[in-house]
Amino acid sequence: MKTKHQSYQLFLEVNKDLSIFIGALGFVQIPAGSYVYTGSARRNIDERIKRHLNNNKKLHWHIDYLLTNPHVHISTILKSELEECALNQQVEGIIITDRFGAGDCIKNCKSHLKKISGY
């Protein structure tokens, strides 16, 4: 039986302090360090992840703006059967930017991007 993944985590390395425009969030300060972004896809999670790996895309989600920056690299990708917010709430880290990736969050997550090192 095939496992149905509901959500995923992108482990990111930000190599230098950034001031970056992120859509409706405006300009955001992202300090250098390691981060985890938790996301989901209603269908075809592998296509969503493939999209994240491609730098030539229309900027739609908050994470798109961050991932197209040359100082940001995905180090690891994990898929999970957990619902997106439940997975996000398991991550210990600090929130740098409120509402990042959590604009439609129904579990009151302040952000789906957390800094996990260097704080």
PDB file of N, CA and C in Angstrom:
ATOM      1  N   MET A   1       0.839  -1.189   0.000  1.00  0.00           N
ATOM      2  CA  MET A   1       0.000   0.000   0.000  1.00  0.00           C
ATOM      3  C   MET A   1       0.879   1.247   0.000  1.00  0.00           C
ATOM      4  N   LYS A   2       0.549   2.181  -0.847  1.00  0.00           N
ATOM      5  CA  LYS A   2       1.319   3.402  -0.978  1.00  0.00           C
ATOM      6  C   LYS A   2       0.987   4.371   0.160  1.00  0.00           C
ATOM      7  N   THR A   3       2.020   5.003   0.728  1.00  0.00           N
ATOM      8  CA  THR A   3       1.818   5.979   1.792  1.00  0.00           C
ATOM      9  C   THR A   3       1.315   7.283   1.193  1.00  0.00           C
ATOM     10  N   LYS A   4       0.318   7.878   1.821  1.00  0.00           N
ATOM     11  CA  LYS A   4      -0.199   9.166   1.360  1.00  0.00           C
ATOM     12  C   LYS A   4       0.420  10.262   2.213  1.00  0.00           C
ATOM     13  N   HIS A   5       1.276  11.040   1.593  1.00  0.00           N
ATOM     14  CA  HIS A   5       1.891  12.158   2.294  1.00  0.00           C
ATOM     15  C   HIS A   5       0.979  13.362   2.196  1.00  0.00           C
ATOM     16  N   GLN A   6       0.779  14.022   3.318  1.00  0.00           N
ATOM     17  CA  GLN A   6      -0.064  15.204   3.356  1.00  0.00           C
ATOM     18  C   GLN A   6       0.753  16.483   3.389  1.00  0.00           C
ATOM     19  N   SER A   7       1.924  16.407   3.977  1.00  0.00           N
ATOM     20  CA  SER A   7       2.709  17.627   4.176  1.00  0.00           C
ATOM     21  C   SER A   7       4.192  17.327   3.968  1.00  0.00           C
ATOM     22  N   TYR A   8       4.970  18.392   3.987  1.00  0.00           N
ATOM     23  CA  TYR A   8       6.405  18.259   3.769  1.00  0.00           C
ATOM     24  C   TYR A   8       7.125  19.360   4.538  1.00  0.00           C
ATOM     25  N   GLN A   9       8.403  19.136   4.729  1.00  0.00           N
ATOM     26  CA  GLN A   9       9.258  20.152   5.347  1.00  0.00           C
ATOM     27  C   GLN A   9      10.486  20.354   4.473  1.00  0.00           C
ATOM     28  N   LEU A  10      10.787  21.627   4.255  1.00  0.00           N
ATOM     29  CA  LEU A  10      12.010  22.018   3.564  1.00  0.00           C
ATOM     30  C   LEU A  10      12.968  22.546   4.611  1.00  0.00           C
ATOM     31  N   PHE A  11      14.115  21.930   4.729  1.00  0.00           N
ATOM     32  CA  PHE A  11      15.155  22.417   5.629  1.00  0.00           C
ATOM     33  C   PHE A  11      16.041  23.334   4.804  1.00  0.00           C
ATOM     34  N   LEU A  12      16.162  24.575   5.237  1.00  0.00           N
ATOM     35  CA  LEU A  12      16.818  25.624   4.469  1.00  0.00           C
ATOM     36  C   LEU A  12      18.056  26.138   5.157  1.00  0.00           C
ATOM     37  N   GLU A  13      19.036  26.506   4.363  1.00  0.00           N
ATOM     38  CA  GLU A  13      20.214  27.208   4.845  1.00  0.00           C
ATOM     39  C   GLU A  13      20.214  28.595   4.207  1.00  0.00           C
ATOM     40  N   VAL A  14      20.222  29.605   5.050  1.00  0.00           N
ATOM     41  CA  VAL A  14      20.315  30.989   4.584  1.00  0.00           C
ATOM     42  C   VAL A  14      21.737  31.435   4.898  1.00  0.00           C
ATOM     43  N   ASN A  15      22.530  31.714   3.861  1.00  0.00           N
ATOM     44  CA  ASN A  15      23.964  31.936   4.011  1.00  0.00           C
ATOM     45  C   ASN A  15      24.365  33.327   4.464  1.00  0.00           C
ATOM     46  N   LYS A  16      23.442  34.286   4.398  1.00  0.00           N
ATOM     47  CA  LYS A  16      23.749  35.634   4.876  1.00  0.00           C
ATOM     48  C   LYS A  16      22.459  36.319   5.277  1.00  0.00           C
ATOM     49  N   ASP A  17      22.564  37.353   6.093  1.00  0.00           N
ATOM     50  CA  ASP A  17      21.393  38.112   6.491  1.00  0.00           C
ATOM     51  C   ASP A  17      20.734  38.701   5.250  1.00  0.00           C
ATOM     52  N   LEU A  18      19.410  38.600   5.188  1.00  0.00           N
ATOM     53  CA  LEU A  18      18.682  39.080   4.020  1.00  0.00           C
ATOM     54  C   LEU A  18      17.627  40.104   4.406  1.00  0.00           C
ATOM     55  N   SER A  19      17.426  41.052   3.539  1.00  0.00           N
ATOM     56  CA  SER A  19      16.255  41.919   3.561  1.00  0.00           C
ATOM     57  C   SER A  19      15.586  41.650   2.225  1.00  0.00           C
ATOM     58  N   ILE A  20      14.444  40.984   2.265  1.00  0.00           N
ATOM     59  CA  ILE A  20      13.860  40.462   1.038  1.00  0.00           C
ATOM     60  C   ILE A  20      12.369  40.794   0.969  1.00  0.00           C
ATOM     61  N   PHE A  21      11.904  41.139  -0.224  1.00  0.00           N
ATOM     62  CA  PHE A  21      10.490  41.395  -0.445  1.00  0.00           C
ATOM     63  C   PHE A  21       9.772  40.064  -0.576  1.00  0.00           C
ATOM     64  N   ILE A  22       8.721  39.872   0.236  1.00  0.00           N
ATOM     65  CA  ILE A  22       7.966  38.619   0.215  1.00  0.00           C
ATOM     66  C   ILE A  22       6.486  38.944   0.058  1.00  0.00           C
ATOM     67  N   GLY A  23       6.089  39.206  -1.164  1.00  0.00           N
ATOM     68  CA  GLY A  23       4.685  39.422  -1.504  1.00  0.00           C
ATOM     69  C   GLY A  23       3.958  40.347  -0.548  1.00  0.00           C
ATOM     70  N   ALA A  24       2.792  39.907  -0.072  1.00  0.00           N
ATOM     71  CA  ALA A  24       1.942  40.709   0.809  1.00  0.00           C
ATOM     72  C   ALA A  24       2.607  41.007   2.158  1.00  0.00           C
ATOM     73  N   LEU A  25       3.642  40.272   2.519  1.00  0.00           N
ATOM     74  CA  LEU A  25       4.338  40.533   3.788  1.00  0.00           C
ATOM     75  C   LEU A  25       5.245  41.751   3.684  1.00  0.00           C
ATOM     76  N   GLY A  26       5.555  42.177   2.456  1.00  0.00           N
ATOM     77  CA  GLY A  26       6.454  43.313   2.254  1.00  0.00           C
ATOM     78  C   GLY A  26       7.899  42.905   2.461  1.00  0.00           C
ATOM     79  N   PHE A  27       8.727  43.879   2.860  1.00  0.00           N
ATOM     80  CA  PHE A  27      10.138  43.573   3.111  1.00  0.00           C
ATOM     81  C   PHE A  27      10.287  42.917   4.471  1.00  0.00           C
ATOM     82  N   VAL A  28      11.031  41.821   4.489  1.00  0.00           N
ATOM     83  CA  VAL A  28      11.216  41.008   5.682  1.00  0.00           C
ATOM     84  C   VAL A  28      12.706  40.823   5.915  1.00  0.00           C
ATOM     85  N   GLN A  29      13.105  40.882   7.177  1.00  0.00           N
ATOM     86  CA  GLN A  29      14.494  40.625   7.553  1.00  0.00           C
ATOM     87  C   GLN A  29      14.625  39.144   7.908  1.00  0.00           C
ATOM     88  N   ILE A  30      15.508  38.446   7.212  1.00  0.00           N
ATOM     89  CA  ILE A  30      15.756  37.020   7.460  1.00  0.00           C
ATOM     90  C   ILE A  30      17.227  36.874   7.837  1.00  0.00           C
ATOM     91  N   PRO A  31      17.516  36.655   9.119  1.00  0.00           N
ATOM     92  CA  PRO A  31      18.916  36.464   9.525  1.00  0.00           C
ATOM     93  C   PRO A  31      19.488  35.156   8.978  1.00  0.00           C
ATOM     94  N   ALA A  32      20.784  35.132   8.761  1.00  0.00           N
ATOM     95  CA  ALA A  32      21.455  33.906   8.332  1.00  0.00           C
ATOM     96  C   ALA A  32      21.212  32.801   9.346  1.00  0.00           C
ATOM     97  N   GLY A  33      21.150  31.565   8.866  1.00  0.00           N
ATOM     98  CA  GLY A  33      20.965  30.427   9.759  1.00  0.00           C
ATOM     99  C   GLY A  33      20.199  29.308   9.086  1.00  0.00           C
ATOM    100  N   SER A  34      19.773  28.351   9.892  1.00  0.00           N
ATOM    101  CA  SER A  34      19.016  27.192   9.415  1.00  0.00           C
ATOM    102  C   SER A  34      17.546  27.368   9.758  1.00  0.00           C
ATOM    103  N   TYR A  35      16.695  26.970   8.824  1.00  0.00           N
ATOM    104  CA  TYR A  35      15.253  27.141   8.962  1.00  0.00           C
ATOM    105  C   TYR A  35      14.536  25.870   8.536  1.00  0.00           C
ATOM    106  N   VAL A  36      13.284  25.750   8.989  1.00  0.00           N
ATOM    107  CA  VAL A  36      12.381  24.717   8.494  1.00  0.00           C
ATOM    108  C   VAL A  36      11.118  25.408   8.022  1.00  0.00           C
ATOM    109  N   TYR A  37      10.730  25.102   6.792  1.00  0.00           N
ATOM    110  CA  TYR A  37       9.455  25.562   6.239  1.00  0.00           C
ATOM    111  C   TYR A  37       8.556  24.346   6.119  1.00  0.00           C
ATOM    112  N   THR A  38       7.342  24.434   6.652  1.00  0.00           N
ATOM    113  CA  THR A  38       6.386  23.345   6.582  1.00  0.00           C
ATOM    114  C   THR A  38       5.267  23.730   5.628  1.00  0.00           C
ATOM    115  N   GLY A  39       4.994  22.851   4.672  1.00  0.00           N
ATOM    116  CA  GLY A  39       3.956  23.116   3.692  1.00  0.00           C
ATOM    117  C   GLY A  39       3.146  21.869   3.406  1.00  0.00           C
ATOM    118  N   SER A  40       2.186  22.018   2.503  1.00  0.00           N
ATOM    119  CA  SER A  40       1.343  20.890   2.120  1.00  0.00           C
ATOM    120  C   SER A  40       0.896  21.070   0.676  1.00  0.00           C
ATOM    121  N   ALA A  41       0.303  20.028   0.150  1.00  0.00           N
ATOM    122  CA  ALA A  41      -0.283  20.068  -1.184  1.00  0.00           C
ATOM    123  C   ALA A  41      -1.546  19.225  -1.137  1.00  0.00           C
ATOM    124  N   ARG A  42      -2.612  19.752  -1.666  1.00  0.00           N
ATOM    125  CA  ARG A  42      -3.871  18.997  -1.659  1.00  0.00           C
ATOM    126  C   ARG A  42      -3.764  17.737  -2.509  1.00  0.00           C
ATOM    127  N   ARG A  43      -2.971  17.844  -3.568  1.00  0.00           N
ATOM    128  CA  ARG A  43      -2.723  16.677  -4.420  1.00  0.00           C
ATOM    129  C   ARG A  43      -1.324  16.802  -5.019  1.00  0.00           C
ATOM    130  N   ASN A  44      -0.745  15.701  -5.325  1.00  0.00           N
ATOM    131  CA  ASN A  44       0.570  15.603  -5.969  1.00  0.00           C
ATOM    132  C   ASN A  44       1.663  16.400  -5.248  1.00  0.00           C
ATOM    133  N   ILE A  45       1.977  15.946  -4.082  1.00  0.00           N
ATOM    134  CA  ILE A  45       2.997  16.591  -3.245  1.00  0.00           C
ATOM    135  C   ILE A  45       4.361  16.604  -3.935  1.00  0.00           C
ATOM    136  N   ASP A  46       4.639  15.575  -4.740  1.00  0.00           N
ATOM    137  CA  ASP A  46       5.936  15.527  -5.429  1.00  0.00           C
ATOM    138  C   ASP A  46       6.069  16.670  -6.438  1.00  0.00           C
ATOM    139  N   GLU A  47       4.984  17.035  -7.094  1.00  0.00           N
ATOM    140  CA  GLU A  47       5.019  18.166  -8.022  1.00  0.00           C
ATOM    141  C   GLU A  47       5.231  19.482  -7.276  1.00  0.00           C
ATOM    142  N   ARG A  48       4.621  19.608  -6.110  1.00  0.00           N
ATOM    143  CA  ARG A  48       4.812  20.828  -5.306  1.00  0.00           C
ATOM    144  C   ARG A  48       6.281  20.958  -4.907  1.00  0.00           C
ATOM    145  N   ILE A  49       6.869  19.862  -4.453  1.00  0.00           N
ATOM    146  CA  ILE A  49       8.277  19.889  -4.049  1.00  0.00           C
ATOM    147  C   ILE A  49       9.166  20.191  -5.257  1.00  0.00           C
ATOM    148  N   LYS A  50       8.862  19.574  -6.389  1.00  0.00           N
ATOM    149  CA  LYS A  50       9.628  19.837  -7.613  1.00  0.00           C
ATOM    150  C   LYS A  50       9.566  21.320  -7.966  1.00  0.00           C
ATOM    151  N   ARG A  51       8.409  21.930  -7.778  1.00  0.00           N
ATOM    152  CA  ARG A  51       8.256  23.361  -8.050  1.00  0.00           C
ATOM    153  C   ARG A  51       9.170  24.177  -7.142  1.00  0.00           C
ATOM    154  N   HIS A  52       9.254  23.789  -5.882  1.00  0.00           N
ATOM    155  CA  HIS A  52      10.118  24.507  -4.944  1.00  0.00           C
ATOM    156  C   HIS A  52      11.589  24.443  -5.367  1.00  0.00           C
ATOM    157  N   LEU A  53      11.981  23.360  -5.994  1.00  0.00           N
ATOM    158  CA  LEU A  53      13.371  23.182  -6.421  1.00  0.00           C
ATOM    159  C   LEU A  53      13.714  23.981  -7.675  1.00  0.00           C
ATOM    160  N   ASN A  54      12.707  24.483  -8.364  1.00  0.00           N
ATOM    161  CA  ASN A  54      12.893  25.220  -9.618  1.00  0.00           C
ATOM    162  C   ASN A  54      12.923  26.723  -9.327  1.00  0.00           C
ATOM    163  N   ASN A  55      13.988  27.401  -9.728  1.00  0.00           N
ATOM    164  CA  ASN A  55      14.084  28.847  -9.498  1.00  0.00           C
ATOM    165  C   ASN A  55      13.366  29.663 -10.567  1.00  0.00           C
ATOM    166  N   ASN A  56      12.976  29.036 -11.653  1.00  0.00           N
ATOM    167  CA  ASN A  56      12.298  29.745 -12.741  1.00  0.00           C
ATOM    168  C   ASN A  56      10.793  29.495 -12.629  1.00  0.00           C
ATOM    169  N   LYS A  57      10.129  30.272 -11.770  1.00  0.00           N
ATOM    170  CA  LYS A  57       8.700  30.082 -11.533  1.00  0.00           C
ATOM    171  C   LYS A  57       8.049  31.413 -11.217  1.00  0.00           C
ATOM    172  N   LYS A  58       6.751  31.455 -11.390  1.00  0.00           N
ATOM    173  CA  LYS A  58       5.985  32.618 -10.987  1.00  0.00           C
ATOM    174  C   LYS A  58       5.975  32.654  -9.467  1.00  0.00           C
ATOM    175  N   LEU A  59       6.238  33.822  -8.886  1.00  0.00           N
ATOM    176  CA  LEU A  59       6.255  33.944  -7.429  1.00  0.00           C
ATOM    177  C   LEU A  59       4.818  34.048  -6.928  1.00  0.00           C
ATOM    178  N   HIS A  60       4.392  33.019  -6.223  1.00  0.00           N
ATOM    179  CA  HIS A  60       3.011  32.929  -5.751  1.00  0.00           C
ATOM    180  C   HIS A  60       2.946  32.835  -4.228  1.00  0.00           C
ATOM    181  N   TRP A  61       3.591  31.820  -3.666  1.00  0.00           N
ATOM    182  CA  TRP A  61       3.588  31.613  -2.227  1.00  0.00           C
ATOM    183  C   TRP A  61       4.764  32.338  -1.580  1.00  0.00           C
ATOM    184  N   HIS A  62       4.645  32.615  -0.284  1.00  0.00           N
ATOM    185  CA  HIS A  62       5.732  33.282   0.447  1.00  0.00           C
ATOM    186  C   HIS A  62       7.058  32.561   0.233  1.00  0.00           C
ATOM    187  N   ILE A  63       7.034  31.244   0.300  1.00  0.00           N
ATOM    188  CA  ILE A  63       8.270  30.473   0.189  1.00  0.00           C
ATOM    189  C   ILE A  63       8.933  30.656  -1.174  1.00  0.00           C
ATOM    190  N   ASP A  64       8.150  30.940  -2.224  1.00  0.00           N
ATOM    191  CA  ASP A  64       8.727  31.170  -3.553  1.00  0.00           C
ATOM    192  C   ASP A  64       9.710  32.338  -3.540  1.00  0.00           C
ATOM    193  N   TYR A  65       9.344  33.408  -2.847  1.00  0.00           N
ATOM    194  CA  TYR A  65      10.193  34.599  -2.784  1.00  0.00           C
ATOM    195  C   TYR A  65      11.518  34.279  -2.089  1.00  0.00           C
ATOM    196  N   LEU A  66      11.446  33.474  -1.040  1.00  0.00           N
ATOM    197  CA  LEU A  66      12.653  33.118  -0.298  1.00  0.00           C
ATOM    198  C   LEU A  66      13.541  32.162  -1.105  1.00  0.00           C
ATOM    199  N   LEU A  67      12.930  31.165  -1.715  1.00  0.00           N
ATOM    200  CA  LEU A  67      13.711  30.137  -2.412  1.00  0.00           C
ATOM    201  C   LEU A  67      14.392  30.626  -3.681  1.00  0.00           C
ATOM    202  N   THR A  68      13.915  31.711  -4.272  1.00  0.00           N
ATOM    203  CA  THR A  68      14.568  32.215  -5.479  1.00  0.00           C
ATOM    204  C   THR A  68      15.756  33.113  -5.158  1.00  0.00           C
ATOM    205  N   ASN A  69      16.006  33.373  -3.882  1.00  0.00           N
ATOM    206  CA  ASN A  69      17.166  34.158  -3.493  1.00  0.00           C
ATOM    207  C   ASN A  69      18.418  33.274  -3.571  1.00  0.00           C
ATOM    208  N   PRO A  70      19.498  33.753  -4.174  1.00  0.00           N
ATOM    209  CA  PRO A  70      20.699  32.922  -4.343  1.00  0.00           C
ATOM    210  C   PRO A  70      21.401  32.558  -3.032  1.00  0.00           C
ATOM    211  N   HIS A  71      21.046  33.191  -1.930  1.00  0.00           N
ATOM    212  CA  HIS A  71      21.678  32.892  -0.640  1.00  0.00           C
ATOM    213  C   HIS A  71      20.872  31.894   0.191  1.00  0.00           C
ATOM    214  N   VAL A  72      19.831  31.316  -0.422  1.00  0.00           N
ATOM    215  CA  VAL A  72      18.972  30.350   0.266  1.00  0.00           C
ATOM    216  C   VAL A  72      19.046  29.024  -0.477  1.00  0.00           C
ATOM    217  N   HIS A  73      19.315  27.955   0.278  1.00  0.00           N
ATOM    218  CA  HIS A  73      19.450  26.622  -0.321  1.00  0.00           C
ATOM    219  C   HIS A  73      18.667  25.605   0.490  1.00  0.00           C
ATOM    220  N   ILE A  74      18.013  24.696  -0.207  1.00  0.00           N
ATOM    221  CA  ILE A  74      17.327  23.584   0.447  1.00  0.00           C
ATOM    222  C   ILE A  74      18.363  22.510   0.730  1.00  0.00           C
ATOM    223  N   SER A  75      18.492  22.107   2.006  1.00  0.00           N
ATOM    224  CA  SER A  75      19.459  21.071   2.359  1.00  0.00           C
ATOM    225  C   SER A  75      18.806  19.695   2.462  1.00  0.00           C
ATOM    226  N   THR A  76      17.555  19.651   2.911  1.00  0.00           N
ATOM    227  CA  THR A  76      16.853  18.383   3.111  1.00  0.00           C
ATOM    228  C   THR A  76      15.364  18.597   2.872  1.00  0.00           C
ATOM    229  N   ILE A  77      14.713  17.567   2.366  1.00  0.00           N
ATOM    230  CA  ILE A  77      13.260  17.588   2.178  1.00  0.00           C
ATOM    231  C   ILE A  77      12.703  16.328   2.831  1.00  0.00           C
ATOM    232  N   LEU A  78      11.709  16.508   3.693  1.00  0.00           N
ATOM    233  CA  LEU A  78      11.040  15.373   4.332  1.00  0.00           C
ATOM    234  C   LEU A  78       9.550  15.441   4.050  1.00  0.00           C
ATOM    235  N   LYS A  79       8.939  14.291   3.801  1.00  0.00           N
ATOM    236  CA  LYS A  79       7.484  14.210   3.622  1.00  0.00           C
ATOM    237  C   LYS A  79       6.890  13.556   4.864  1.00  0.00           C
ATOM    238  N   SER A  80       5.634  13.894   5.143  1.00  0.00           N
ATOM    239  CA  SER A  80       4.984  13.374   6.340  1.00  0.00           C
ATOM    240  C   SER A  80       3.519  13.053   6.068  1.00  0.00           C
ATOM    241  N   GLU A  81       2.991  12.117   6.829  1.00  0.00           N
ATOM    242  CA  GLU A  81       1.567  11.814   6.781  1.00  0.00           C
ATOM    243  C   GLU A  81       0.782  12.758   7.694  1.00  0.00           C
ATOM    244  N   LEU A  82       1.482  13.514   8.529  1.00  0.00           N
ATOM    245  CA  LEU A  82       0.801  14.440   9.430  1.00  0.00           C
ATOM    246  C   LEU A  82       0.217  15.618   8.657  1.00  0.00           C
ATOM    247  N   GLU A  83      -0.830  16.176   9.204  1.00  0.00           N
ATOM    248  CA  GLU A  83      -1.415  17.395   8.664  1.00  0.00           C
ATOM    249  C   GLU A  83      -0.407  18.523   8.854  1.00  0.00           C
ATOM    250  N   GLU A  84      -0.398  19.482   7.942  1.00  0.00           N
ATOM    251  CA  GLU A  84       0.605  20.549   7.889  1.00  0.00           C
ATOM    252  C   GLU A  84       0.808  21.260   9.228  1.00  0.00           C
ATOM    253  N   CYS A  85      -0.253  21.706   9.856  1.00  0.00           N
ATOM    254  CA  CYS A  85      -0.115  22.468  11.105  1.00  0.00           C
ATOM    255  C   CYS A  85       0.386  21.592  12.257  1.00  0.00           C
ATOM    256  N   ALA A  86      -0.065  20.349  12.305  1.00  0.00           N
ATOM    257  CA  ALA A  86       0.412  19.436  13.350  1.00  0.00           C
ATOM    258  C   ALA A  86       1.915  19.213  13.203  1.00  0.00           C
ATOM    259  N   LEU A  87       2.377  19.044  11.968  1.00  0.00           N
ATOM    260  CA  LEU A  87       3.806  18.869  11.719  1.00  0.00           C
ATOM    261  C   LEU A  87       4.569  20.135  12.086  1.00  0.00           C
ATOM    262  N   ASN A  88       4.057  21.282  11.682  1.00  0.00           N
ATOM    263  CA  ASN A  88       4.700  22.565  11.983  1.00  0.00           C
ATOM    264  C   ASN A  88       4.817  22.787  13.488  1.00  0.00           C
ATOM    265  N   GLN A  89       3.790  22.428  14.227  1.00  0.00           N
ATOM    266  CA  GLN A  89       3.792  22.660  15.671  1.00  0.00           C
ATOM    267  C   GLN A  89       4.779  21.763  16.413  1.00  0.00           C
ATOM    268  N   GLN A  90       5.284  20.721  15.755  1.00  0.00           N
ATOM    269  CA  GLN A  90       6.315  19.866  16.361  1.00  0.00           C
ATOM    270  C   GLN A  90       7.713  20.472  16.254  1.00  0.00           C
ATOM    271  N   VAL A  91       7.880  21.478  15.415  1.00  0.00           N
ATOM    272  CA  VAL A  91       9.196  22.070  15.182  1.00  0.00           C
ATOM    273  C   VAL A  91       9.519  23.061  16.288  1.00  0.00           C
ATOM    274  N   GLU A  92      10.645  22.838  16.947  1.00  0.00           N
ATOM    275  CA  GLU A  92      11.122  23.791  17.940  1.00  0.00           C
ATOM    276  C   GLU A  92      12.018  24.792  17.231  1.00  0.00           C
ATOM    277  N   GLY A  93      11.702  26.040  17.393  1.00  0.00           N
ATOM    278  CA  GLY A  93      12.472  27.088  16.759  1.00  0.00           C
ATOM    279  C   GLY A  93      11.815  28.423  17.049  1.00  0.00           C
ATOM    280  N   ILE A  94      12.334  29.451  16.436  1.00  0.00           N
ATOM    281  CA  ILE A  94      11.752  30.767  16.656  1.00  0.00           C
ATOM    282  C   ILE A  94      11.150  31.296  15.352  1.00  0.00           C
ATOM    283  N   ILE A  95      10.135  32.106  15.526  1.00  0.00           N
ATOM    284  CA  ILE A  95       9.454  32.713  14.398  1.00  0.00           C
ATOM    285  C   ILE A  95      10.107  34.050  14.115  1.00  0.00           C
ATOM    286  N   ILE A  96      10.595  34.193  12.911  1.00  0.00           N
ATOM    287  CA  ILE A  96      11.237  35.431  12.481  1.00  0.00           C
ATOM    288  C   ILE A  96      10.199  36.358  11.850  1.00  0.00           C
ATOM    289  N   THR A  97       9.260  35.774  11.109  1.00  0.00           N
ATOM    290  CA  THR A  97       8.267  36.537  10.365  1.00  0.00           C
ATOM    291  C   THR A  97       6.874  35.960  10.591  1.00  0.00           C
ATOM    292  N   ASP A  98       6.018  36.731  11.240  1.00  0.00           N
ATOM    293  CA  ASP A  98       4.634  36.293  11.447  1.00  0.00           C
ATOM    294  C   ASP A  98       3.935  36.098  10.109  1.00  0.00           C
ATOM    295  N   ARG A  99       3.066  35.089  10.059  1.00  0.00           N
ATOM    296  CA  ARG A  99       2.187  34.776   8.925  1.00  0.00           C
ATOM    297  C   ARG A  99       2.898  34.153   7.729  1.00  0.00           C
ATOM    298  N   PHE A 100       4.222  33.950   7.785  1.00  0.00           N
ATOM    299  CA  PHE A 100       4.939  33.368   6.646  1.00  0.00           C
ATOM    300  C   PHE A 100       4.379  31.974   6.375  1.00  0.00           C
ATOM    301  N   GLY A 101       3.785  31.790   5.209  1.00  0.00           N
ATOM    302  CA  GLY A 101       3.242  30.489   4.827  1.00  0.00           C
ATOM    303  C   GLY A 101       2.030  30.058   5.622  1.00  0.00           C
ATOM    304  N   ALA A 102       1.493  30.944   6.444  1.00  0.00           N
ATOM    305  CA  ALA A 102       0.387  30.572   7.332  1.00  0.00           C
ATOM    306  C   ALA A 102      -0.829  31.477   7.142  1.00  0.00           C
ATOM    307  N   GLY A 103      -0.934  32.069   5.969  1.00  0.00           N
ATOM    308  CA  GLY A 103      -2.053  32.969   5.714  1.00  0.00           C
ATOM    309  C   GLY A 103      -3.406  32.289   5.775  1.00  0.00           C
ATOM    310  N   ASP A 104      -3.450  30.999   5.442  1.00  0.00           N
ATOM    311  CA  ASP A 104      -4.711  30.257   5.475  1.00  0.00           C
ATOM    312  C   ASP A 104      -4.741  29.236   6.611  1.00  0.00           C
ATOM    313  N   CYS A 105      -3.865  29.408   7.582  1.00  0.00           N
ATOM    314  CA  CYS A 105      -3.750  28.458   8.693  1.00  0.00           C
ATOM    315  C   CYS A 105      -5.016  28.480   9.550  1.00  0.00           C
ATOM    316  N   ILE A 106      -5.528  27.297   9.852  1.00  0.00           N
ATOM    317  CA  ILE A 106      -6.724  27.192  10.686  1.00  0.00           C
ATOM    318  C   ILE A 106      -6.409  26.738  12.112  1.00  0.00           C
ATOM    319  N   LYS A 107      -5.137  26.509  12.402  1.00  0.00           N
ATOM    320  CA  LYS A 107      -4.725  26.029  13.726  1.00  0.00           C
ATOM    321  C   LYS A 107      -3.973  27.094  14.508  1.00  0.00           C
ATOM    322  N   ASN A 108      -4.046  28.343  14.060  1.00  0.00           N
ATOM    323  CA  ASN A 108      -3.407  29.475  14.738  1.00  0.00           C
ATOM    324  C   ASN A 108      -1.883  29.385  14.792  1.00  0.00           C
ATOM    325  N   CYS A 109      -1.279  28.779  13.785  1.00  0.00           N
ATOM    326  CA  CYS A 109       0.176  28.826  13.687  1.00  0.00           C
ATOM    327  C   CYS A 109       0.554  30.271  13.366  1.00  0.00           C
ATOM    328  N   LYS A 110       1.535  30.796  14.048  1.00  0.00           N
ATOM    329  CA  LYS A 110       1.964  32.161  13.751  1.00  0.00           C
ATOM    330  C   LYS A 110       2.773  32.225  12.472  1.00  0.00           C
ATOM    331  N   SER A 111       3.425  31.128  12.122  1.00  0.00           N
ATOM    332  CA  SER A 111       4.252  31.075  10.933  1.00  0.00           C
ATOM    333  C   SER A 111       4.553  29.618  10.607  1.00  0.00           C
ATOM    334  N   HIS A 112       4.752  29.324   9.334  1.00  0.00           N
ATOM    335  CA  HIS A 112       5.176  27.985   8.934  1.00  0.00           C
ATOM    336  C   HIS A 112       6.646  27.978   8.540  1.00  0.00           C
ATOM    337  N   LEU A 113       7.357  29.050   8.903  1.00  0.00           N
ATOM    338  CA  LEU A 113       8.802  29.133   8.738  1.00  0.00           C
ATOM    339  C   LEU A 113       9.397  29.391  10.115  1.00  0.00           C
ATOM    340  N   LYS A 114      10.295  28.511  10.554  1.00  0.00           N
ATOM    341  CA  LYS A 114      10.919  28.656  11.864  1.00  0.00           C
ATOM    342  C   LYS A 114      12.435  28.567  11.737  1.00  0.00           C
ATOM    343  N   LYS A 115      13.101  29.435  12.466  1.00  0.00           N
ATOM    344  CA  LYS A 115      14.568  29.402  12.533  1.00  0.00           C
ATOM    345  C   LYS A 115      14.950  28.365  13.581  1.00  0.00           C
ATOM    346  N   ILE A 116      15.798  27.425  13.184  1.00  0.00           N
ATOM    347  CA  ILE A 116      16.115  26.316  14.095  1.00  0.00           C
ATOM    348  C   ILE A 116      17.558  26.315  14.566  1.00  0.00           C
ATOM    349  N   SER A 117      18.356  27.290  14.147  1.00  0.00           N
ATOM    350  CA  SER A 117      19.725  27.377  14.654  1.00  0.00           C
ATOM    351  C   SER A 117      20.161  28.825  14.722  1.00  0.00           C
ATOM    352  N   GLY A 118      21.131  29.082  15.542  1.00  0.00           N
ATOM    353  CA  GLY A 118      21.722  30.413  15.611  1.00  0.00           C
ATOM    354  C   GLY A 118      20.853  31.448  16.279  1.00  0.00           C
ATOM    355  N   TYR A 119      20.008  31.024  17.206  1.00  0.00           N
ATOM    356  CA  TYR A 119      19.181  32.015  17.916  1.00  0.00           C
ATOM    357  C   TYR A 119      19.421  31.949  19.405  1.00  0.00           C
TER     358      TYR A 119
END
